[in-house]
């Protein structure tokens, strides 16, 4: 409720996100869901630390993992 009142106060327009947006392909959901689980509970002191952790996560995944999201 507070968020919407702030949106109205600032005269922001809330845009709908189409359910079949090309910006979020189903393969993205596959990758992000697992990455989100990996990052849960982790804290980073800098953007560089976060980027390094994400790069290490993807580097350690077997190739078959990526094929699963392409189906």
C-alpha atoms as a PDB file:
ATOM      1  CA  UNK A   1       0.000   0.000   0.000  1.00  0.00           C
ATOM      2  CA  UNK A   2       2.792   2.417   0.875  1.00  0.00           C
ATOM      3  CA  UNK A   3       4.585   1.636  -2.364  1.00  0.00           C
ATOM      4  CA  UNK A   4       1.548   2.454  -4.469  1.00  0.00           C
ATOM      5  CA  UNK A   5       0.890   5.697  -2.611  1.00  0.00           C
ATOM      6  CA  UNK A   6       4.526   6.717  -3.173  1.00  0.00           C
ATOM      7  CA  UNK A   7       4.176   5.848  -6.878  1.00  0.00           C
ATOM      8  CA  UNK A   8       1.084   8.046  -7.064  1.00  0.00           C
ATOM      9  CA  UNK A   9       2.734  10.851  -5.113  1.00  0.00           C
ATOM     10  CA  UNK A  10       5.684  10.870  -7.520  1.00  0.00           C
ATOM     11  CA  UNK A  11       3.300  10.518 -10.489  1.00  0.00           C
ATOM     12  CA  UNK A  12       5.056   7.347 -11.649  1.00  0.00           C
ATOM     13  CA  UNK A  13       3.225   5.133 -14.064  1.00  0.00           C
ATOM     14  CA  UNK A  14       3.269   1.418 -13.267  1.00  0.00           C
ATOM     15  CA  UNK A  15       3.698  -0.536 -16.496  1.00  0.00           C
ATOM     16  CA  UNK A  16       2.448  -4.074 -16.936  1.00  0.00           C
ATOM     17  CA  UNK A  17       5.006  -6.715 -17.822  1.00  0.00           C
ATOM     18  CA  UNK A  18       3.611  -8.951 -20.557  1.00  0.00           C
ATOM     19  CA  UNK A  19       3.543 -12.632 -19.515  1.00  0.00           C
ATOM     20  CA  UNK A  20       5.321 -13.722 -22.704  1.00  0.00           C
ATOM     21  CA  UNK A  21       7.967 -11.044 -22.795  1.00  0.00           C
ATOM     22  CA  UNK A  22      11.013 -11.835 -24.943  1.00  0.00           C
ATOM     23  CA  UNK A  23      13.067 -10.141 -22.215  1.00  0.00           C
ATOM     24  CA  UNK A  24      12.511 -13.109 -19.898  1.00  0.00           C
ATOM     25  CA  UNK A  25      12.757 -16.329 -21.849  1.00  0.00           C
ATOM     26  CA  UNK A  26      11.952 -19.613 -20.053  1.00  0.00           C
ATOM     27  CA  UNK A  27      15.641 -20.534 -20.216  1.00  0.00           C
ATOM     28  CA  UNK A  28      16.393 -17.450 -18.113  1.00  0.00           C
ATOM     29  CA  UNK A  29      14.068 -18.665 -15.378  1.00  0.00           C
ATOM     30  CA  UNK A  30      15.902 -21.998 -15.299  1.00  0.00           C
ATOM     31  CA  UNK A  31      19.278 -20.324 -14.787  1.00  0.00           C
ATOM     32  CA  UNK A  32      18.090 -17.668 -12.356  1.00  0.00           C
ATOM     33  CA  UNK A  33      16.189 -20.067 -10.086  1.00  0.00           C
ATOM     34  CA  UNK A  34      19.299 -22.164  -9.418  1.00  0.00           C
ATOM     35  CA  UNK A  35      21.545 -19.123  -9.124  1.00  0.00           C
ATOM     36  CA  UNK A  36      19.134 -17.598  -6.610  1.00  0.00           C
ATOM     37  CA  UNK A  37      19.375 -20.733  -4.475  1.00  0.00           C
ATOM     38  CA  UNK A  38      23.179 -20.637  -4.693  1.00  0.00           C
ATOM     39  CA  UNK A  39      23.309 -16.991  -3.592  1.00  0.00           C
ATOM     40  CA  UNK A  40      20.805 -17.367  -0.742  1.00  0.00           C
ATOM     41  CA  UNK A  41      22.384 -16.320   2.548  1.00  0.00           C
ATOM     42  CA  UNK A  42      25.609 -15.044   0.986  1.00  0.00           C
ATOM     43  CA  UNK A  43      26.801 -11.476   1.588  1.00  0.00           C
ATOM     44  CA  UNK A  44      29.334  -9.592  -0.518  1.00  0.00           C
ATOM     45  CA  UNK A  45      31.381  -6.553   0.401  1.00  0.00           C
ATOM     46  CA  UNK A  46      31.731  -5.358  -3.188  1.00  0.00           C
ATOM     47  CA  UNK A  47      30.322  -5.802  -6.675  1.00  0.00           C
ATOM     48  CA  UNK A  48      33.574  -7.520  -7.602  1.00  0.00           C
ATOM     49  CA  UNK A  49      33.041 -10.194  -4.951  1.00  0.00           C
ATOM     50  CA  UNK A  50      29.496 -10.809  -6.176  1.00  0.00           C
ATOM     51  CA  UNK A  51      30.617 -11.047  -9.801  1.00  0.00           C
ATOM     52  CA  UNK A  52      33.435 -13.446  -8.885  1.00  0.00           C
ATOM     53  CA  UNK A  53      31.016 -15.700  -6.963  1.00  0.00           C
ATOM     54  CA  UNK A  54      28.545 -15.777  -9.854  1.00  0.00           C
ATOM     55  CA  UNK A  55      31.282 -16.485 -12.399  1.00  0.00           C
ATOM     56  CA  UNK A  56      32.620 -19.304 -10.205  1.00  0.00           C
ATOM     57  CA  UNK A  57      29.098 -20.731  -9.863  1.00  0.00           C
ATOM     58  CA  UNK A  58      28.608 -20.932 -13.624  1.00  0.00           C
ATOM     59  CA  UNK A  59      32.171 -22.182 -14.238  1.00  0.00           C
ATOM     60  CA  UNK A  60      31.581 -25.121 -11.875  1.00  0.00           C
ATOM     61  CA  UNK A  61      28.339 -26.247 -13.518  1.00  0.00           C
ATOM     62  CA  UNK A  62      28.527 -29.267 -15.813  1.00  0.00           C
ATOM     63  CA  UNK A  63      27.573 -28.715 -19.455  1.00  0.00           C
ATOM     64  CA  UNK A  64      24.491 -30.903 -19.016  1.00  0.00           C
ATOM     65  CA  UNK A  65      23.072 -28.303 -16.616  1.00  0.00           C
ATOM     66  CA  UNK A  66      22.800 -25.747 -19.413  1.00  0.00           C
ATOM     67  CA  UNK A  67      21.202 -28.231 -21.786  1.00  0.00           C
ATOM     68  CA  UNK A  68      18.442 -28.851 -19.252  1.00  0.00           C
ATOM     69  CA  UNK A  69      17.324 -25.243 -19.479  1.00  0.00           C
ATOM     70  CA  UNK A  70      17.265 -25.194 -23.279  1.00  0.00           C
ATOM     71  CA  UNK A  71      14.651 -27.938 -23.714  1.00  0.00           C
END
